[in-house]
Amino acid sequence: INQSLAMDAAAQALNVEAVLLKVDAEQIQFAVQGVTDSVVVLELFHVTNQALDQKWLLYPEPDAPESNTLIYTAISEGIEVPLSMQGVWYLQLSGADDHWRLRERIKTPVRQLVLHSR
């Protein structure tokens, strides 16, 4: 629990924010502000069925804008399935080193999503 609180506090100190840009049959894409990690980890935890939990690695797009926002993408067939079926999940984005995280309880299907550090 202490590590989770430290990760939340780190995200708040960095003012991390993530916006879901795209989710389709082959990829998911987030714009992430406030961090420059080489990899961002996306995890979906189903509230009642652990067998449905999933994890993806998102990599930054090579043509990064000059702002403090990077576009992170994961390419995986069927990646949209958990986000398009009816359900309740915990969605977590975290840095590769587990230094920060954004975590939100979401209801699916979802097409628009903004995660704020708290």
N, C-alpha and C. Protein backbone atom coordinates (compact mmCIF):
# COMPACT_ATOMS: atom_id res chain seq x y z
N ILE A 1 0.83 -1.20 0.00
CA ILE A 1 0.00 0.00 0.00
C ILE A 1 0.87 1.25 0.00
N ASN A 2 1.96 1.23 0.79
CA ASN A 2 2.83 2.41 0.84
C ASN A 2 3.44 2.71 -0.51
N GLN A 3 3.84 1.66 -1.27
CA GLN A 3 4.41 1.89 -2.59
C GLN A 3 3.37 2.50 -3.52
N SER A 4 2.13 2.03 -3.43
CA SER A 4 1.05 2.59 -4.26
C SER A 4 0.84 4.06 -3.94
N LEU A 5 0.84 4.41 -2.66
CA LEU A 5 0.68 5.81 -2.27
C LEU A 5 1.85 6.65 -2.76
N ALA A 6 3.06 6.10 -2.69
CA ALA A 6 4.24 6.81 -3.18
C ALA A 6 4.15 7.03 -4.68
N MET A 7 3.64 6.04 -5.41
CA MET A 7 3.49 6.17 -6.86
C MET A 7 2.45 7.24 -7.19
N ASP A 8 1.36 7.27 -6.43
CA ASP A 8 0.33 8.30 -6.62
C ASP A 8 0.89 9.69 -6.33
N ALA A 9 1.68 9.80 -5.25
CA ALA A 9 2.27 11.08 -4.87
C ALA A 9 3.27 11.54 -5.93
N ALA A 10 4.04 10.62 -6.48
CA ALA A 10 5.00 10.97 -7.53
C ALA A 10 4.28 11.49 -8.76
N ALA A 11 3.18 10.84 -9.14
CA ALA A 11 2.40 11.30 -10.29
C ALA A 11 1.87 12.70 -10.05
N GLN A 12 1.43 12.95 -8.82
CA GLN A 12 0.91 14.28 -8.49
C GLN A 12 2.03 15.33 -8.54
N ALA A 13 3.20 14.99 -8.02
CA ALA A 13 4.33 15.92 -8.04
C ALA A 13 4.76 16.24 -9.47
N LEU A 14 4.67 15.25 -10.36
CA LEU A 14 5.04 15.45 -11.76
C LEU A 14 3.90 16.06 -12.58
N ASN A 15 2.71 16.15 -11.96
CA ASN A 15 1.51 16.65 -12.65
C ASN A 15 1.19 15.81 -13.89
N VAL A 16 1.23 14.49 -13.70
CA VAL A 16 0.99 13.57 -14.81
C VAL A 16 -0.49 13.56 -15.18
N GLU A 17 -0.75 13.57 -16.47
CA GLU A 17 -2.11 13.47 -17.00
C GLU A 17 -2.05 12.62 -18.26
N ALA A 18 -3.07 11.80 -18.48
CA ALA A 18 -3.12 10.97 -19.68
C ALA A 18 -4.50 11.07 -20.31
N VAL A 19 -4.51 11.14 -21.63
CA VAL A 19 -5.75 11.21 -22.40
C VAL A 19 -5.76 10.07 -23.40
N LEU A 20 -6.83 9.30 -23.40
CA LEU A 20 -7.00 8.24 -24.39
C LEU A 20 -7.25 8.90 -25.74
N LEU A 21 -6.35 8.65 -26.70
CA LEU A 21 -6.49 9.24 -28.03
C LEU A 21 -7.19 8.30 -29.00
N LYS A 22 -6.88 7.00 -28.88
CA LYS A 22 -7.36 6.06 -29.89
C LYS A 22 -7.38 4.66 -29.31
N VAL A 23 -8.45 3.93 -29.60
CA VAL A 23 -8.49 2.50 -29.31
C VAL A 23 -9.25 1.85 -30.45
N ASP A 24 -8.60 0.88 -31.09
CA ASP A 24 -9.26 0.13 -32.16
C ASP A 24 -8.78 -1.32 -32.10
N ALA A 25 -9.07 -2.09 -33.13
CA ALA A 25 -8.80 -3.53 -33.11
C ALA A 25 -7.31 -3.86 -33.00
N GLU A 26 -6.45 -2.91 -33.31
CA GLU A 26 -5.02 -3.22 -33.34
C GLU A 26 -4.16 -2.38 -32.42
N GLN A 27 -4.67 -1.25 -31.93
CA GLN A 27 -3.80 -0.43 -31.09
C GLN A 27 -4.58 0.42 -30.10
N ILE A 28 -3.84 0.85 -29.08
CA ILE A 28 -4.36 1.81 -28.12
C ILE A 28 -3.30 2.90 -27.97
N GLN A 29 -3.77 4.13 -27.83
CA GLN A 29 -2.85 5.26 -27.81
C GLN A 29 -3.28 6.27 -26.75
N PHE A 30 -2.32 6.70 -25.94
CA PHE A 30 -2.53 7.71 -24.92
C PHE A 30 -1.56 8.87 -25.13
N ALA A 31 -2.02 10.08 -24.90
CA ALA A 31 -1.14 11.24 -24.78
C ALA A 31 -0.85 11.39 -23.29
N VAL A 32 0.41 11.34 -22.92
CA VAL A 32 0.79 11.39 -21.51
C VAL A 32 1.64 12.64 -21.28
N GLN A 33 1.19 13.46 -20.35
CA GLN A 33 1.86 14.72 -20.03
C GLN A 33 2.62 14.58 -18.72
N GLY A 34 3.81 15.17 -18.67
CA GLY A 34 4.53 15.26 -17.41
C GLY A 34 5.62 14.23 -17.19
N VAL A 35 5.73 13.23 -18.07
CA VAL A 35 6.77 12.20 -17.93
C VAL A 35 7.39 11.92 -19.30
N THR A 36 8.57 11.33 -19.28
CA THR A 36 9.27 10.99 -20.52
C THR A 36 9.80 9.57 -20.47
N ASP A 37 9.06 8.68 -19.85
CA ASP A 37 9.51 7.29 -19.72
C ASP A 37 9.72 6.64 -21.09
N SER A 38 10.66 5.69 -21.15
CA SER A 38 10.91 4.96 -22.39
C SER A 38 9.80 3.95 -22.66
N VAL A 39 9.07 3.57 -21.62
CA VAL A 39 7.94 2.64 -21.72
C VAL A 39 6.92 3.04 -20.67
N VAL A 40 5.64 2.95 -21.01
CA VAL A 40 4.56 3.13 -20.04
C VAL A 40 3.78 1.82 -20.02
N VAL A 41 3.44 1.37 -18.82
CA VAL A 41 2.72 0.11 -18.66
C VAL A 41 1.24 0.40 -18.47
N LEU A 42 0.40 -0.23 -19.29
CA LEU A 42 -1.05 -0.12 -19.17
C LEU A 42 -1.56 -1.44 -18.61
N GLU A 43 -2.29 -1.37 -17.50
CA GLU A 43 -2.88 -2.56 -16.91
C GLU A 43 -4.37 -2.35 -16.72
N LEU A 44 -5.13 -3.38 -17.04
CA LEU A 44 -6.57 -3.40 -16.80
C LEU A 44 -6.85 -4.51 -15.80
N PHE A 45 -7.47 -4.15 -14.70
CA PHE A 45 -7.84 -5.11 -13.66
C PHE A 45 -9.35 -5.17 -13.60
N HIS A 46 -9.93 -6.33 -13.88
CA HIS A 46 -11.38 -6.48 -13.79
C HIS A 46 -11.76 -6.54 -12.31
N VAL A 47 -12.87 -5.91 -11.96
CA VAL A 47 -13.22 -5.79 -10.53
C VAL A 47 -13.62 -7.12 -9.90
N THR A 48 -14.12 -8.07 -10.70
CA THR A 48 -14.57 -9.33 -10.10
C THR A 48 -13.92 -10.57 -10.68
N ASN A 49 -13.25 -10.47 -11.84
CA ASN A 49 -12.70 -11.66 -12.49
C ASN A 49 -11.23 -11.44 -12.86
N GLN A 50 -10.36 -11.90 -11.99
CA GLN A 50 -8.92 -11.69 -12.18
C GLN A 50 -8.42 -12.34 -13.48
N ALA A 51 -9.10 -13.35 -13.97
CA ALA A 51 -8.69 -14.02 -15.21
C ALA A 51 -8.77 -13.09 -16.42
N LEU A 52 -9.54 -12.01 -16.31
CA LEU A 52 -9.68 -11.06 -17.41
C LEU A 52 -8.62 -9.95 -17.38
N ASP A 53 -7.83 -9.89 -16.30
CA ASP A 53 -6.81 -8.84 -16.18
C ASP A 53 -5.84 -8.90 -17.36
N GLN A 54 -5.41 -7.72 -17.82
CA GLN A 54 -4.51 -7.66 -18.96
C GLN A 54 -3.47 -6.58 -18.75
N LYS A 55 -2.36 -6.72 -19.51
CA LYS A 55 -1.23 -5.79 -19.38
C LYS A 55 -0.60 -5.59 -20.75
N TRP A 56 -0.28 -4.34 -21.06
CA TRP A 56 0.39 -4.00 -22.32
C TRP A 56 1.50 -3.00 -22.04
N LEU A 57 2.51 -3.01 -22.90
CA LEU A 57 3.58 -2.02 -22.87
C LEU A 57 3.32 -1.01 -23.97
N LEU A 58 3.34 0.26 -23.61
CA LEU A 58 3.15 1.34 -24.58
C LEU A 58 4.49 2.04 -24.78
N TYR A 59 4.82 2.28 -26.04
CA TYR A 59 6.09 2.91 -26.39
C TYR A 59 5.84 4.29 -26.97
N PRO A 60 6.76 5.23 -26.71
CA PRO A 60 6.56 6.59 -27.23
C PRO A 60 6.71 6.62 -28.75
N GLU A 61 5.91 7.46 -29.37
CA GLU A 61 6.02 7.66 -30.82
C GLU A 61 7.33 8.39 -31.09
N PRO A 62 8.00 8.06 -32.20
CA PRO A 62 9.32 8.65 -32.47
C PRO A 62 9.31 10.15 -32.71
N ASP A 63 8.26 10.67 -33.31
CA ASP A 63 8.21 12.11 -33.61
C ASP A 63 7.53 12.86 -32.48
N ALA A 64 8.24 12.97 -31.36
CA ALA A 64 7.66 13.62 -30.19
C ALA A 64 7.57 15.12 -30.41
N PRO A 65 6.46 15.72 -30.03
CA PRO A 65 6.35 17.18 -30.12
C PRO A 65 7.28 17.85 -29.12
N GLU A 66 7.44 19.13 -29.25
CA GLU A 66 8.35 19.87 -28.38
C GLU A 66 7.74 20.15 -27.00
N SER A 67 6.50 19.78 -26.80
CA SER A 67 5.85 20.04 -25.51
C SER A 67 6.24 18.95 -24.51
N ASN A 68 5.65 19.00 -23.32
CA ASN A 68 5.93 17.97 -22.32
C ASN A 68 4.90 16.85 -22.39
N THR A 69 4.30 16.65 -23.56
CA THR A 69 3.34 15.57 -23.77
C THR A 69 3.91 14.60 -24.80
N LEU A 70 3.93 13.32 -24.45
CA LEU A 70 4.38 12.29 -25.39
C LEU A 70 3.19 11.40 -25.75
N ILE A 71 3.22 10.87 -26.96
CA ILE A 71 2.20 9.93 -27.42
C ILE A 71 2.76 8.52 -27.24
N TYR A 72 2.06 7.70 -26.46
CA TYR A 72 2.47 6.32 -26.22
C TYR A 72 1.47 5.38 -26.88
N THR A 73 1.99 4.35 -27.56
CA THR A 73 1.15 3.43 -28.32
C THR A 73 1.51 1.98 -28.00
N ALA A 74 0.49 1.14 -27.89
CA ALA A 74 0.68 -0.32 -27.84
C ALA A 74 -0.06 -0.90 -29.03
N ILE A 75 0.60 -1.83 -29.72
CA ILE A 75 -0.03 -2.50 -30.86
C ILE A 75 -0.22 -3.96 -30.48
N SER A 76 -1.47 -4.40 -30.50
CA SER A 76 -1.80 -5.77 -30.12
C SER A 76 -3.18 -6.10 -30.67
N GLU A 77 -3.29 -7.19 -31.39
CA GLU A 77 -4.59 -7.56 -31.95
C GLU A 77 -5.59 -7.84 -30.84
N GLY A 78 -6.79 -7.28 -30.98
CA GLY A 78 -7.84 -7.50 -29.99
C GLY A 78 -7.74 -6.62 -28.77
N ILE A 79 -6.87 -5.63 -28.81
CA ILE A 79 -6.63 -4.77 -27.64
C ILE A 79 -7.89 -4.01 -27.23
N GLU A 80 -8.81 -3.80 -28.19
CA GLU A 80 -10.01 -3.01 -27.88
C GLU A 80 -11.08 -3.82 -27.16
N VAL A 81 -10.95 -5.14 -27.14
CA VAL A 81 -12.03 -5.99 -26.61
C VAL A 81 -12.42 -5.64 -25.18
N PRO A 82 -11.48 -5.59 -24.21
CA PRO A 82 -11.92 -5.28 -22.85
C PRO A 82 -12.53 -3.89 -22.70
N LEU A 83 -12.08 -2.94 -23.52
CA LEU A 83 -12.61 -1.58 -23.41
C LEU A 83 -13.93 -1.40 -24.15
N SER A 84 -14.31 -2.37 -24.98
CA SER A 84 -15.56 -2.24 -25.73
C SER A 84 -16.67 -3.10 -25.16
N MET A 85 -16.34 -4.06 -24.28
CA MET A 85 -17.40 -4.87 -23.69
C MET A 85 -17.89 -4.22 -22.40
N GLN A 86 -19.09 -4.58 -21.99
CA GLN A 86 -19.68 -4.01 -20.78
C GLN A 86 -18.95 -4.53 -19.55
N GLY A 87 -18.57 -3.63 -18.66
CA GLY A 87 -17.90 -4.07 -17.44
C GLY A 87 -17.38 -2.92 -16.61
N VAL A 88 -16.74 -3.27 -15.50
CA VAL A 88 -16.11 -2.30 -14.62
C VAL A 88 -14.68 -2.77 -14.39
N TRP A 89 -13.74 -1.85 -14.56
CA TRP A 89 -12.32 -2.16 -14.49
C TRP A 89 -11.59 -1.10 -13.68
N TYR A 90 -10.41 -1.45 -13.22
CA TYR A 90 -9.43 -0.46 -12.78
C TYR A 90 -8.39 -0.37 -13.89
N LEU A 91 -8.21 0.83 -14.42
CA LEU A 91 -7.21 1.07 -15.45
C LEU A 91 -6.04 1.76 -14.79
N GLN A 92 -4.84 1.23 -15.02
CA GLN A 92 -3.65 1.82 -14.42
C GLN A 92 -2.59 2.04 -15.48
N LEU A 93 -2.06 3.24 -15.52
CA LEU A 93 -0.89 3.57 -16.32
C LEU A 93 0.24 3.84 -15.34
N SER A 94 1.41 3.27 -15.61
CA SER A 94 2.54 3.51 -14.71
C SER A 94 3.83 3.57 -15.51
N GLY A 95 4.83 4.20 -14.90
CA GLY A 95 6.14 4.27 -15.53
C GLY A 95 6.82 2.93 -15.48
N ALA A 96 7.78 2.74 -16.36
CA ALA A 96 8.48 1.46 -16.45
C ALA A 96 9.20 1.11 -15.15
N ASP A 97 9.61 2.12 -14.39
CA ASP A 97 10.34 1.89 -13.15
C ASP A 97 9.43 1.88 -11.92
N ASP A 98 8.12 1.87 -12.14
CA ASP A 98 7.14 1.89 -11.04
C ASP A 98 7.30 3.11 -10.13
N HIS A 99 7.77 4.22 -10.70
CA HIS A 99 7.95 5.44 -9.91
C HIS A 99 6.63 6.20 -9.74
N TRP A 100 5.78 6.17 -10.77
CA TRP A 100 4.51 6.91 -10.74
C TRP A 100 3.41 6.01 -11.31
N ARG A 101 2.16 6.39 -11.01
CA ARG A 101 1.03 5.70 -11.62
C ARG A 101 -0.18 6.62 -11.65
N LEU A 102 -1.04 6.36 -12.61
CA LEU A 102 -2.39 6.92 -12.67
C LEU A 102 -3.33 5.73 -12.61
N ARG A 103 -4.32 5.79 -11.74
CA ARG A 103 -5.23 4.66 -11.59
C ARG A 103 -6.64 5.21 -11.48
N GLU A 104 -7.55 4.58 -12.19
CA GLU A 104 -8.94 5.07 -12.22
C GLU A 104 -9.88 3.88 -12.38
N ARG A 105 -10.99 3.93 -11.67
CA ARG A 105 -12.04 2.94 -11.88
C ARG A 105 -12.88 3.42 -13.05
N ILE A 106 -13.05 2.56 -14.06
CA ILE A 106 -13.77 2.96 -15.26
C ILE A 106 -14.89 1.97 -15.56
N LYS A 107 -15.92 2.47 -16.22
CA LYS A 107 -16.99 1.62 -16.74
C LYS A 107 -16.80 1.53 -18.25
N THR A 108 -16.91 0.32 -18.77
CA THR A 108 -16.78 0.13 -20.21
C THR A 108 -18.13 -0.24 -20.79
N PRO A 109 -18.38 0.03 -22.05
CA PRO A 109 -17.41 0.47 -23.06
C PRO A 109 -17.00 1.92 -22.85
N VAL A 110 -15.76 2.21 -23.25
CA VAL A 110 -15.22 3.56 -23.10
C VAL A 110 -14.59 4.00 -24.43
N ARG A 111 -14.84 5.23 -24.78
CA ARG A 111 -14.23 5.82 -25.98
C ARG A 111 -13.45 7.08 -25.63
N GLN A 112 -13.83 7.73 -24.54
CA GLN A 112 -13.12 8.93 -24.09
C GLN A 112 -12.71 8.73 -22.64
N LEU A 113 -11.49 9.13 -22.34
CA LEU A 113 -10.98 8.92 -20.99
C LEU A 113 -9.84 9.90 -20.73
N VAL A 114 -9.90 10.56 -19.58
CA VAL A 114 -8.81 11.43 -19.12
C VAL A 114 -8.46 11.00 -17.71
N LEU A 115 -7.19 10.74 -17.47
CA LEU A 115 -6.71 10.34 -16.15
C LEU A 115 -5.87 11.47 -15.57
N HIS A 116 -6.20 11.88 -14.35
CA HIS A 116 -5.47 12.95 -13.66
C HIS A 116 -4.75 12.37 -12.45
N SER A 117 -3.61 12.94 -12.12
CA SER A 117 -2.95 12.56 -10.87
C SER A 117 -3.72 13.20 -9.72
N ARG A 118 -3.78 12.49 -8.60
CA ARG A 118 -4.52 13.02 -7.44
C ARG A 118 -3.65 12.99 -6.21
